[in-house]
Amino acid sequence: MIKDFNIKIDPITSVAYVSITNSKISKTENLSESVNADLDSTGELVGLEVLDIESLRTLGDSAANLGLSKEDIEAILSELEAQI
């Protein structure tokens, strides 16, 4: 479970970035058409770029493969909705 995360929302594009660690990004994987995952050199999740908030609800196995639990996704969604 993620203990801490930071969210920034671009006021012009409404794209959200969920920062999970301060590690250097080595690659980006598309989890869906609307969610991209930034990974470090060991494959650990650094952050999520969210183009459509609702798409987070349907990530399922893609999120689990990155170590995100259903509770993590719900916490991120709750914080995103509070900031909009």
PDB file of N, CA and C in Angstrom:
ATOM      1  N   MET A   1       0.845  -1.190   0.000  1.00  0.00           N
ATOM      2  CA  MET A   1       0.000   0.000   0.000  1.00  0.00           C
ATOM      3  C   MET A   1       0.884   1.246   0.000  1.00  0.00           C
ATOM      4  N   ILE A   2       0.488   2.238  -0.772  1.00  0.00           N
ATOM      5  CA  ILE A   2       1.220   3.492  -0.850  1.00  0.00           C
ATOM      6  C   ILE A   2       0.980   4.282   0.431  1.00  0.00           C
ATOM      7  N   LYS A   3       2.060   4.728   1.052  1.00  0.00           N
ATOM      8  CA  LYS A   3       1.923   5.491   2.293  1.00  0.00           C
ATOM      9  C   LYS A   3       1.724   6.979   2.030  1.00  0.00           C
ATOM     10  N   ASP A   4       2.359   7.486   0.973  1.00  0.00           N
ATOM     11  CA  ASP A   4       2.309   8.916   0.720  1.00  0.00           C
ATOM     12  C   ASP A   4       2.372   9.157  -0.783  1.00  0.00           C
ATOM     13  N   PHE A   5       1.620  10.126  -1.239  1.00  0.00           N
ATOM     14  CA  PHE A   5       1.689  10.524  -2.637  1.00  0.00           C
ATOM     15  C   PHE A   5       1.326  11.993  -2.736  1.00  0.00           C
ATOM     16  N   ASN A   6       1.737  12.601  -3.835  1.00  0.00           N
ATOM     17  CA  ASN A   6       1.500  14.002  -4.100  1.00  0.00           C
ATOM     18  C   ASN A   6       0.760  14.111  -5.423  1.00  0.00           C
ATOM     19  N   ILE A   7      -0.199  15.009  -5.525  1.00  0.00           N
ATOM     20  CA  ILE A   7      -0.933  15.180  -6.771  1.00  0.00           C
ATOM     21  C   ILE A   7      -0.816  16.619  -7.244  1.00  0.00           C
ATOM     22  N   LYS A   8      -0.505  16.752  -8.533  1.00  0.00           N
ATOM     23  CA  LYS A   8      -0.504  18.069  -9.172  1.00  0.00           C
ATOM     24  C   LYS A   8      -1.429  17.984 -10.369  1.00  0.00           C
ATOM     25  N   ILE A   9      -2.280  18.996 -10.519  1.00  0.00           N
ATOM     26  CA  ILE A   9      -3.201  19.040 -11.640  1.00  0.00           C
ATOM     27  C   ILE A   9      -2.900  20.272 -12.468  1.00  0.00           C
ATOM     28  N   ASP A  10      -2.670  20.069 -13.759  1.00  0.00           N
ATOM     29  CA  ASP A  10      -2.416  21.182 -14.665  1.00  0.00           C
ATOM     30  C   ASP A  10      -3.731  21.929 -14.864  1.00  0.00           C
ATOM     31  N   PRO A  11      -3.778  23.223 -14.518  1.00  0.00           N
ATOM     32  CA  PRO A  11      -5.037  23.959 -14.603  1.00  0.00           C
ATOM     33  C   PRO A  11      -5.524  24.177 -16.037  1.00  0.00           C
ATOM     34  N   ILE A  12      -4.624  24.084 -16.991  1.00  0.00           N
ATOM     35  CA  ILE A  12      -5.012  24.312 -18.387  1.00  0.00           C
ATOM     36  C   ILE A  12      -5.527  23.029 -19.038  1.00  0.00           C
ATOM     37  N   THR A  13      -4.806  21.929 -18.848  1.00  0.00           N
ATOM     38  CA  THR A  13      -5.166  20.673 -19.515  1.00  0.00           C
ATOM     39  C   THR A  13      -5.985  19.727 -18.641  1.00  0.00           C
ATOM     40  N   SER A  14      -6.026  19.966 -17.344  1.00  0.00           N
ATOM     41  CA  SER A  14      -6.679  19.097 -16.356  1.00  0.00           C
ATOM     42  C   SER A  14      -6.023  17.733 -16.235  1.00  0.00           C
ATOM     43  N   VAL A  15      -4.809  17.599 -16.738  1.00  0.00           N
ATOM     44  CA  VAL A  15      -4.057  16.355 -16.582  1.00  0.00           C
ATOM     45  C   VAL A  15      -3.487  16.334 -15.170  1.00  0.00           C
ATOM     46  N   ALA A  16      -3.622  15.189 -14.511  1.00  0.00           N
ATOM     47  CA  ALA A  16      -3.124  15.040 -13.142  1.00  0.00           C
ATOM     48  C   ALA A  16      -1.862  14.183 -13.153  1.00  0.00           C
ATOM     49  N   TYR A  17      -0.931  14.521 -12.252  1.00  0.00           N
ATOM     50  CA  TYR A  17       0.241  13.677 -12.059  1.00  0.00           C
ATOM     51  C   TYR A  17       0.288  13.275 -10.594  1.00  0.00           C
ATOM     52  N   VAL A  18       0.325  11.973 -10.364  1.00  0.00           N
ATOM     53  CA  VAL A  18       0.398  11.426  -9.011  1.00  0.00           C
ATOM     54  C   VAL A  18       1.833  10.992  -8.782  1.00  0.00           C
ATOM     55  N   SER A  19       2.531  11.732  -7.951  1.00  0.00           N
ATOM     56  CA  SER A  19       3.929  11.436  -7.648  1.00  0.00           C
ATOM     57  C   SER A  19       3.988  10.535  -6.418  1.00  0.00           C
ATOM     58  N   ILE A  20       4.648   9.382  -6.589  1.00  0.00           N
ATOM     59  CA  ILE A  20       4.701   8.400  -5.509  1.00  0.00           C
ATOM     60  C   ILE A  20       6.074   8.355  -4.857  1.00  0.00           C
ATOM     61  N   THR A  21       7.124   8.500  -5.656  1.00  0.00           N
ATOM     62  CA  THR A  21       8.488   8.576  -5.130  1.00  0.00           C
ATOM     63  C   THR A  21       9.239   9.680  -5.855  1.00  0.00           C
ATOM     64  N   ASN A  22      10.421   9.985  -5.375  1.00  0.00           N
ATOM     65  CA  ASN A  22      11.276  10.979  -6.022  1.00  0.00           C
ATOM     66  C   ASN A  22      12.335  10.340  -6.904  1.00  0.00           C
ATOM     67  N   SER A  23      12.196   9.058  -7.172  1.00  0.00           N
ATOM     68  CA  SER A  23      13.172   8.348  -7.994  1.00  0.00           C
ATOM     69  C   SER A  23      13.180   8.895  -9.419  1.00  0.00           C
ATOM     70  N   LYS A  24      14.297   8.695 -10.088  1.00  0.00           N
ATOM     71  CA  LYS A  24      14.442   9.129 -11.473  1.00  0.00           C
ATOM     72  C   LYS A  24      13.615   8.206 -12.381  1.00  0.00           C
ATOM     73  N   ILE A  25      12.893   8.804 -13.307  1.00  0.00           N
ATOM     74  CA  ILE A  25      12.073   8.044 -14.246  1.00  0.00           C
ATOM     75  C   ILE A  25      12.959   7.463 -15.338  1.00  0.00           C
ATOM     76  N   SER A  26      12.848   6.156 -15.536  1.00  0.00           N
ATOM     77  CA  SER A  26      13.616   5.482 -16.581  1.00  0.00           C
ATOM     78  C   SER A  26      12.771   5.140 -17.801  1.00  0.00           C
ATOM     79  N   LYS A  27      11.491   4.856 -17.565  1.00  0.00           N
ATOM     80  CA  LYS A  27      10.609   4.562 -18.694  1.00  0.00           C
ATOM     81  C   LYS A  27       9.161   4.801 -18.293  1.00  0.00           C
ATOM     82  N   THR A  28       8.334   4.900 -19.322  1.00  0.00           N
ATOM     83  CA  THR A  28       6.911   5.115 -19.128  1.00  0.00           C
ATOM     84  C   THR A  28       6.146   3.998 -19.829  1.00  0.00           C
ATOM     85  N   GLU A  29       5.169   3.433 -19.140  1.00  0.00           N
ATOM     86  CA  GLU A  29       4.320   2.390 -19.713  1.00  0.00           C
ATOM     87  C   GLU A  29       2.884   2.888 -19.769  1.00  0.00           C
ATOM     88  N   ASN A  30       2.206   2.602 -20.865  1.00  0.00           N
ATOM     89  CA  ASN A  30       0.789   2.931 -20.986  1.00  0.00           C
ATOM     90  C   ASN A  30      -0.019   1.846 -20.292  1.00  0.00           C
ATOM     91  N   LEU A  31      -0.786   2.232 -19.283  1.00  0.00           N
ATOM     92  CA  LEU A  31      -1.662   1.286 -18.601  1.00  0.00           C
ATOM     93  C   LEU A  31      -3.028   1.248 -19.266  1.00  0.00           C
ATOM     94  N   SER A  32      -3.387   2.360 -19.880  1.00  0.00           N
ATOM     95  CA  SER A  32      -4.636   2.476 -20.631  1.00  0.00           C
ATOM     96  C   SER A  32      -4.459   3.679 -21.549  1.00  0.00           C
ATOM     97  N   GLU A  33      -5.492   4.004 -22.310  1.00  0.00           N
ATOM     98  CA  GLU A  33      -5.416   5.184 -23.168  1.00  0.00           C
ATOM     99  C   GLU A  33      -5.288   6.467 -22.356  1.00  0.00           C
ATOM    100  N   SER A  34      -5.672   6.408 -21.094  1.00  0.00           N
ATOM    101  CA  SER A  34      -5.729   7.617 -20.273  1.00  0.00           C
ATOM    102  C   SER A  34      -4.825   7.616 -19.053  1.00  0.00           C
ATOM    103  N   VAL A  35      -4.062   6.541 -18.846  1.00  0.00           N
ATOM    104  CA  VAL A  35      -3.177   6.468 -17.679  1.00  0.00           C
ATOM    105  C   VAL A  35      -1.812   5.926 -18.107  1.00  0.00           C
ATOM    106  N   ASN A  36      -0.764   6.684 -17.761  1.00  0.00           N
ATOM    107  CA  ASN A  36       0.611   6.273 -18.019  1.00  0.00           C
ATOM    108  C   ASN A  36       1.342   6.114 -16.700  1.00  0.00           C
ATOM    109  N   ALA A  37       2.165   5.087 -16.612  1.00  0.00           N
ATOM    110  CA  ALA A  37       2.925   4.824 -15.390  1.00  0.00           C
ATOM    111  C   ALA A  37       4.400   5.118 -15.651  1.00  0.00           C
ATOM    112  N   ASP A  38       4.999   5.951 -14.812  1.00  0.00           N
ATOM    113  CA  ASP A  38       6.431   6.215 -14.863  1.00  0.00           C
ATOM    114  C   ASP A  38       7.128   5.258 -13.906  1.00  0.00           C
ATOM    115  N   LEU A  39       8.176   4.596 -14.401  1.00  0.00           N
ATOM    116  CA  LEU A  39       8.895   3.594 -13.620  1.00  0.00           C
ATOM    117  C   LEU A  39      10.364   3.976 -13.485  1.00  0.00           C
ATOM    118  N   ASP A  40      10.997   3.541 -12.384  1.00  0.00           N
ATOM    119  CA  ASP A  40      12.433   3.776 -12.223  1.00  0.00           C
ATOM    120  C   ASP A  40      13.206   2.639 -12.895  1.00  0.00           C
ATOM    121  N   SER A  41      14.512   2.637 -12.748  1.00  0.00           N
ATOM    122  CA  SER A  41      15.355   1.650 -13.424  1.00  0.00           C
ATOM    123  C   SER A  41      15.134   0.225 -12.932  1.00  0.00           C
ATOM    124  N   THR A  42      14.524   0.067 -11.755  1.00  0.00           N
ATOM    125  CA  THR A  42      14.245  -1.279 -11.240  1.00  0.00           C
ATOM    126  C   THR A  42      12.805  -1.718 -11.531  1.00  0.00           C
ATOM    127  N   GLY A  43      12.044  -0.864 -12.205  1.00  0.00           N
ATOM    128  CA  GLY A  43      10.660  -1.188 -12.526  1.00  0.00           C
ATOM    129  C   GLY A  43       9.653  -0.790 -11.468  1.00  0.00           C
ATOM    130  N   GLU A  44      10.124  -0.082 -10.428  1.00  0.00           N
ATOM    131  CA  GLU A  44       9.218   0.383  -9.368  1.00  0.00           C
ATOM    132  C   GLU A  44       8.474   1.630  -9.837  1.00  0.00           C
ATOM    133  N   LEU A  45       7.230   1.759  -9.414  1.00  0.00           N
ATOM    134  CA  LEU A  45       6.386   2.878  -9.795  1.00  0.00           C
ATOM    135  C   LEU A  45       6.885   4.189  -9.174  1.00  0.00           C
ATOM    136  N   VAL A  46       7.075   5.190 -10.028  1.00  0.00           N
ATOM    137  CA  VAL A  46       7.488   6.531  -9.597  1.00  0.00           C
ATOM    138  C   VAL A  46       6.275   7.450  -9.558  1.00  0.00           C
ATOM    139  N   GLY A  47       5.407   7.329 -10.576  1.00  0.00           N
ATOM    140  CA  GLY A  47       4.239   8.192 -10.630  1.00  0.00           C
ATOM    141  C   GLY A  47       3.285   7.780 -11.729  1.00  0.00           C
ATOM    142  N   LEU A  48       2.115   8.400 -11.706  1.00  0.00           N
ATOM    143  CA  LEU A  48       1.074   8.134 -12.692  1.00  0.00           C
ATOM    144  C   LEU A  48       0.637   9.434 -13.341  1.00  0.00           C
ATOM    145  N   GLU A  49       0.564   9.441 -14.659  1.00  0.00           N
ATOM    146  CA  GLU A  49      -0.024  10.557 -15.390  1.00  0.00           C
ATOM    147  C   GLU A  49      -1.453  10.147 -15.708  1.00  0.00           C
ATOM    148  N   VAL A  50      -2.406  10.951 -15.272  1.00  0.00           N
ATOM    149  CA  VAL A  50      -3.817  10.602 -15.412  1.00  0.00           C
ATOM    150  C   VAL A  50      -4.501  11.627 -16.310  1.00  0.00           C
ATOM    151  N   LEU A  51      -4.901  11.176 -17.499  1.00  0.00           N
ATOM    152  CA  LEU A  51      -5.572  12.050 -18.451  1.00  0.00           C
ATOM    153  C   LEU A  51      -7.080  12.070 -18.233  1.00  0.00           C
ATOM    154  N   ASP A  52      -7.609  10.990 -17.664  1.00  0.00           N
ATOM    155  CA  ASP A  52      -9.039  10.861 -17.389  1.00  0.00           C
ATOM    156  C   ASP A  52      -9.201  10.146 -16.051  1.00  0.00           C
ATOM    157  N   ILE A  53      -9.716  10.846 -15.069  1.00  0.00           N
ATOM    158  CA  ILE A  53      -9.813  10.306 -13.714  1.00  0.00           C
ATOM    159  C   ILE A  53     -10.612   9.007 -13.671  1.00  0.00           C
ATOM    160  N   GLU A  54     -11.702   8.931 -14.398  1.00  0.00           N
ATOM    161  CA  GLU A  54     -12.542   7.732 -14.365  1.00  0.00           C
ATOM    162  C   GLU A  54     -11.799   6.485 -14.836  1.00  0.00           C
ATOM    163  N   SER A  55     -10.792   6.670 -15.677  1.00  0.00           N
ATOM    164  CA  SER A  55     -10.050   5.515 -16.189  1.00  0.00           C
ATOM    165  C   SER A  55      -9.260   4.809 -15.084  1.00  0.00           C
ATOM    166  N   LEU A  56      -8.984   5.500 -13.989  1.00  0.00           N
ATOM    167  CA  LEU A  56      -8.297   4.865 -12.864  1.00  0.00           C
ATOM    168  C   LEU A  56      -9.124   3.732 -12.267  1.00  0.00           C
ATOM    169  N   ARG A  57     -10.431   3.887 -12.298  1.00  0.00           N
ATOM    170  CA  ARG A  57     -11.324   2.880 -11.704  1.00  0.00           C
ATOM    171  C   ARG A  57     -11.242   1.535 -12.410  1.00  0.00           C
ATOM    172  N   THR A  58     -10.823   1.535 -13.659  1.00  0.00           N
ATOM    173  CA  THR A  58     -10.850   0.312 -14.456  1.00  0.00           C
ATOM    174  C   THR A  58      -9.472  -0.280 -14.725  1.00  0.00           C
ATOM    175  N   LEU A  59      -8.456   0.151 -13.999  1.00  0.00           N
ATOM    176  CA  LEU A  59      -7.105  -0.352 -14.262  1.00  0.00           C
ATOM    177  C   LEU A  59      -6.929  -1.829 -13.912  1.00  0.00           C
ATOM    178  N   GLY A  60      -7.539  -2.273 -12.850  1.00  0.00           N
ATOM    179  CA  GLY A  60      -7.496  -3.685 -12.478  1.00  0.00           C
ATOM    180  C   GLY A  60      -6.107  -4.272 -12.371  1.00  0.00           C
ATOM    181  N   ASP A  61      -5.826  -5.302 -13.183  1.00  0.00           N
ATOM    182  CA  ASP A  61      -4.562  -6.032 -13.106  1.00  0.00           C
ATOM    183  C   ASP A  61      -3.354  -5.157 -13.410  1.00  0.00           C
ATOM    184  N   SER A  62      -3.506  -4.174 -14.292  1.00  0.00           N
ATOM    185  CA  SER A  62      -2.384  -3.287 -14.616  1.00  0.00           C
ATOM    186  C   SER A  62      -1.884  -2.570 -13.369  1.00  0.00           C
ATOM    187  N   ALA A  63      -2.809  -2.104 -12.546  1.00  0.00           N
ATOM    188  CA  ALA A  63      -2.440  -1.425 -11.310  1.00  0.00           C
ATOM    189  C   ALA A  63      -1.840  -2.407 -10.314  1.00  0.00           C
ATOM    190  N   ALA A  64      -2.438  -3.573 -10.211  1.00  0.00           N
ATOM    191  CA  ALA A  64      -1.947  -4.588  -9.268  1.00  0.00           C
ATOM    192  C   ALA A  64      -0.528  -5.023  -9.633  1.00  0.00           C
ATOM    193  N   ASN A  65      -0.233  -5.135 -10.911  1.00  0.00           N
ATOM    194  CA  ASN A  65       1.110  -5.523 -11.346  1.00  0.00           C
ATOM    195  C   ASN A  65       2.165  -4.490 -10.960  1.00  0.00           C
ATOM    196  N   LEU A  66       1.747  -3.261 -10.706  1.00  0.00           N
ATOM    197  CA  LEU A  66       2.668  -2.197 -10.289  1.00  0.00           C
ATOM    198  C   LEU A  66       2.684  -2.025  -8.775  1.00  0.00           C
ATOM    199  N   GLY A  67       1.963  -2.877  -8.076  1.00  0.00           N
ATOM    200  CA  GLY A  67       1.946  -2.804  -6.622  1.00  0.00           C
ATOM    201  C   GLY A  67       0.885  -1.880  -6.051  1.00  0.00           C
ATOM    202  N   LEU A  68      -0.071  -1.471  -6.879  1.00  0.00           N
ATOM    203  CA  LEU A  68      -1.156  -0.615  -6.404  1.00  0.00           C
ATOM    204  C   LEU A  68      -2.347  -1.469  -6.014  1.00  0.00           C
ATOM    205  N   SER A  69      -2.786  -1.318  -4.787  1.00  0.00           N
ATOM    206  CA  SER A  69      -3.959  -2.048  -4.322  1.00  0.00           C
ATOM    207  C   SER A  69      -5.228  -1.269  -4.685  1.00  0.00           C
ATOM    208  N   LYS A  70      -6.344  -1.926  -4.524  1.00  0.00           N
ATOM    209  CA  LYS A  70      -7.633  -1.260  -4.736  1.00  0.00           C
ATOM    210  C   LYS A  70      -7.761  -0.066  -3.791  1.00  0.00           C
ATOM    211  N   GLU A  71      -7.256  -0.224  -2.581  1.00  0.00           N
ATOM    212  CA  GLU A  71      -7.297   0.864  -1.594  1.00  0.00           C
ATOM    213  C   GLU A  71      -6.436   2.043  -2.045  1.00  0.00           C
ATOM    214  N   ASP A  72      -5.274   1.751  -2.664  1.00  0.00           N
ATOM    215  CA  ASP A  72      -4.415   2.817  -3.193  1.00  0.00           C
ATOM    216  C   ASP A  72      -5.159   3.619  -4.254  1.00  0.00           C
ATOM    217  N   ILE A  73      -5.796   2.906  -5.169  1.00  0.00           N
ATOM    218  CA  ILE A  73      -6.533   3.564  -6.250  1.00  0.00           C
ATOM    219  C   ILE A  73      -7.657   4.408  -5.673  1.00  0.00           C
ATOM    220  N   GLU A  74      -8.377   3.884  -4.700  1.00  0.00           N
ATOM    221  CA  GLU A  74      -9.470   4.637  -4.072  1.00  0.00           C
ATOM    222  C   GLU A  74      -8.949   5.892  -3.367  1.00  0.00           C
ATOM    223  N   ALA A  75      -7.797   5.793  -2.702  1.00  0.00           N
ATOM    224  CA  ALA A  75      -7.207   6.961  -2.027  1.00  0.00           C
ATOM    225  C   ALA A  75      -6.797   8.014  -3.041  1.00  0.00           C
ATOM    226  N   ILE A  76      -6.203   7.583  -4.140  1.00  0.00           N
ATOM    227  CA  ILE A  76      -5.804   8.528  -5.199  1.00  0.00           C
ATOM    228  C   ILE A  76      -7.042   9.179  -5.803  1.00  0.00           C
ATOM    229  N   LEU A  77      -8.056   8.386  -6.118  1.00  0.00           N
ATOM    230  CA  LEU A  77      -9.299   8.933  -6.668  1.00  0.00           C
ATOM    231  C   LEU A  77      -9.943   9.943  -5.729  1.00  0.00           C
ATOM    232  N   SER A  78      -9.975   9.615  -4.467  1.00  0.00           N
ATOM    233  CA  SER A  78     -10.573  10.513  -3.478  1.00  0.00           C
ATOM    234  C   SER A  78      -9.839  11.861  -3.447  1.00  0.00           C
ATOM    235  N   GLU A  79      -8.521  11.808  -3.457  1.00  0.00           N
ATOM    236  CA  GLU A  79      -7.737  13.046  -3.432  1.00  0.00           C
ATOM    237  C   GLU A  79      -7.891  13.830  -4.727  1.00  0.00           C
ATOM    238  N   LEU A  80      -7.917  13.143  -5.860  1.00  0.00           N
ATOM    239  CA  LEU A  80      -8.119  13.816  -7.144  1.00  0.00           C
ATOM    240  C   LEU A  80      -9.473  14.521  -7.170  1.00  0.00           C
ATOM    241  N   GLU A  81     -10.504  13.821  -6.737  1.00  0.00           N
ATOM    242  CA  GLU A  81     -11.840  14.410  -6.732  1.00  0.00           C
ATOM    243  C   GLU A  81     -11.925  15.599  -5.779  1.00  0.00           C
ATOM    244  N   ALA A  82     -11.192  15.569  -4.694  1.00  0.00           N
ATOM    245  CA  ALA A  82     -11.185  16.689  -3.745  1.00  0.00           C
ATOM    246  C   ALA A  82     -10.497  17.913  -4.332  1.00  0.00           C
ATOM    247  N   GLN A  83      -9.562  17.708  -5.231  1.00  0.00           N
ATOM    248  CA  GLN A  83      -8.814  18.827  -5.812  1.00  0.00           C
ATOM    249  C   GLN A  83      -9.461  19.439  -7.043  1.00  0.00           C
ATOM    250  N   ILE A  84     -10.459  18.739  -7.580  1.00  0.00           N
ATOM    251  CA  ILE A  84     -11.094  19.255  -8.807  1.00  0.00           C
ATOM    252  C   ILE A  84     -12.152  20.262  -8.455  1.00  0.00           C
TER     253      ILE A  84
END
